[in-house]
C-alpha atoms as a PDB file:
ATOM      1  CA  MET A   1     107.769  26.590   4.363  1.00  0.00           C
ATOM      2  CA  PRO A   2     110.386  26.558   1.762  1.00  0.00           C
ATOM      3  CA  PRO A   3     110.347  29.492  -0.634  1.00  0.00           C
ATOM      4  CA  GLU A   4     109.738  27.254  -3.668  1.00  0.00           C
ATOM      5  CA  ALA A   5     106.658  25.800  -1.882  1.00  0.00           C
ATOM      6  CA  GLN A   6     105.340  29.146  -0.974  1.00  0.00           C
ATOM      7  CA  THR A   7     105.832  30.379  -4.533  1.00  0.00           C
ATOM      8  CA  LEU A   8     103.900  27.346  -5.909  1.00  0.00           C
ATOM      9  CA  ALA A   9     101.171  27.949  -3.426  1.00  0.00           C
ATOM     10  CA  ALA A  10     100.864  31.594  -4.299  1.00  0.00           C
ATOM     11  CA  LEU A  11     100.875  30.738  -8.057  1.00  0.00           C
ATOM     12  CA  ALA A  12      98.148  28.101  -7.471  1.00  0.00           C
ATOM     13  CA  ALA A  13      96.044  30.650  -5.536  1.00  0.00           C
ATOM     14  CA  VAL A  14      96.435  33.353  -8.346  1.00  0.00           C
ATOM     15  CA  ALA A  15      95.671  30.716 -10.962  1.00  0.00           C
ATOM     16  CA  ALA A  16      92.489  29.595  -9.163  1.00  0.00           C
ATOM     17  CA  ALA A  17      91.228  33.119  -8.582  1.00  0.00           C
ATOM     18  CA  ALA A  18      92.079  34.004 -12.282  1.00  0.00           C
ATOM     19  CA  THR A  19      90.156  30.845 -13.474  1.00  0.00           C
ATOM     20  CA  TRP A  20      87.087  31.677 -11.225  1.00  0.00           C
ATOM     21  CA  LEU A  21      86.977  35.195 -12.565  1.00  0.00           C
ATOM     22  CA  ALA A  22      87.334  34.168 -16.221  1.00  0.00           C
ATOM     23  CA  VAL A  23      84.525  31.571 -15.831  1.00  0.00           C
ATOM     24  CA  ARG A  24      82.231  34.174 -14.113  1.00  0.00           C
ATOM     25  CA  PHE A  25      83.012  36.579 -16.921  1.00  0.00           C
ATOM     26  CA  PHE A  26      82.438  34.410 -19.936  1.00  0.00           C
ATOM     27  CA  ARG A  27      79.551  32.401 -18.488  1.00  0.00           C
ATOM     28  CA  LYS A  28      76.202  32.982 -20.322  1.00  0.00           C
ATOM     29  CA  PRO A  29      73.613  34.761 -18.229  1.00  0.00           C
ATOM     30  CA  ASN A  30      70.543  32.673 -17.261  1.00  0.00           C
ATOM     31  CA  PRO A  31      68.278  32.929 -20.171  1.00  0.00           C
ATOM     32  CA  ALA A  32      65.161  32.379 -18.048  1.00  0.00           C
ATOM     33  CA  CYS A  33      65.539  35.619 -16.029  1.00  0.00           C
ATOM     34  CA  GLY A  34      64.732  39.113 -17.269  1.00  0.00           C
ATOM     35  CA  HIS A  35      62.696  38.171 -20.233  1.00  0.00           C
ATOM     36  CA  ASP A  36      59.151  37.160 -20.787  1.00  0.00           C
ATOM     37  CA  CYS A  37      59.238  33.896 -18.872  1.00  0.00           C
ATOM     38  CA  ASP A  38      57.182  32.646 -16.025  1.00  0.00           C
ATOM     39  CA  CYS A  39      59.937  32.378 -13.557  1.00  0.00           C
ATOM     40  CA  PRO A  40      59.352  33.563  -9.885  1.00  0.00           C
ATOM     41  CA  ALA A  41      61.840  36.411 -10.233  1.00  0.00           C
ATOM     42  CA  ASN A  42      59.623  38.003 -12.965  1.00  0.00           C
ATOM     43  CA  LYS A  43      56.500  37.426 -10.902  1.00  0.00           C
ATOM     44  CA  LEU A  44      58.116  39.289  -7.997  1.00  0.00           C
ATOM     45  CA  LYS A  45      59.327  42.098 -10.108  1.00  0.00           C
ATOM     46  CA  ALA A  46      55.766  42.541 -11.538  1.00  0.00           C
ATOM     47  CA  LYS A  47      54.074  42.394  -8.083  1.00  0.00           C
ATOM     48  CA  LEU A  48      56.587  45.073  -6.726  1.00  0.00           C
ATOM     49  CA  LYS A  49      56.000  47.169  -9.820  1.00  0.00           C
ATOM     50  CA  HIS A  50      52.204  46.979  -9.270  1.00  0.00           C
ATOM     51  CA  ASP A  51      52.416  47.640  -5.605  1.00  0.00           C
ATOM     52  CA  THR A  52      54.685  50.666  -6.203  1.00  0.00           C
ATOM     53  CA  LEU A  53      52.391  52.116  -8.901  1.00  0.00           C
ATOM     54  CA  SER A  54      49.095  51.488  -6.983  1.00  0.00           C
ATOM     55  CA  ARG A  55      50.408  53.157  -3.795  1.00  0.00           C
ATOM     56  CA  GLN A  56      48.775  56.601  -3.122  1.00  0.00           C
ATOM     57  CA  PRO A  57      51.060  59.482  -2.115  1.00  0.00           C
ATOM     58  CA  PRO A  58      50.440  60.936   1.282  1.00  0.00           C
ATOM     59  CA  PRO A  59      48.086  63.944   1.437  1.00  0.00           C
ATOM     60  CA  PHE A  60      49.873  67.337   1.276  1.00  0.00           C
ATOM     61  CA  ARG A  61      49.336  69.425   4.406  1.00  0.00           C
END
């Protein structure tokens, strides 16, 4: 591979990675999760919290 082509390939890879990181950084979070909505993630969190709080500790011996 000629040095110029290798340089262009490396620059393209770095530009693609930088673009991907910038998009992930500036993207708005999903407004449906983590708030008072009825999505499956919140139902699972509530169930796990309820199961954890209702569990009895083992007896002390």
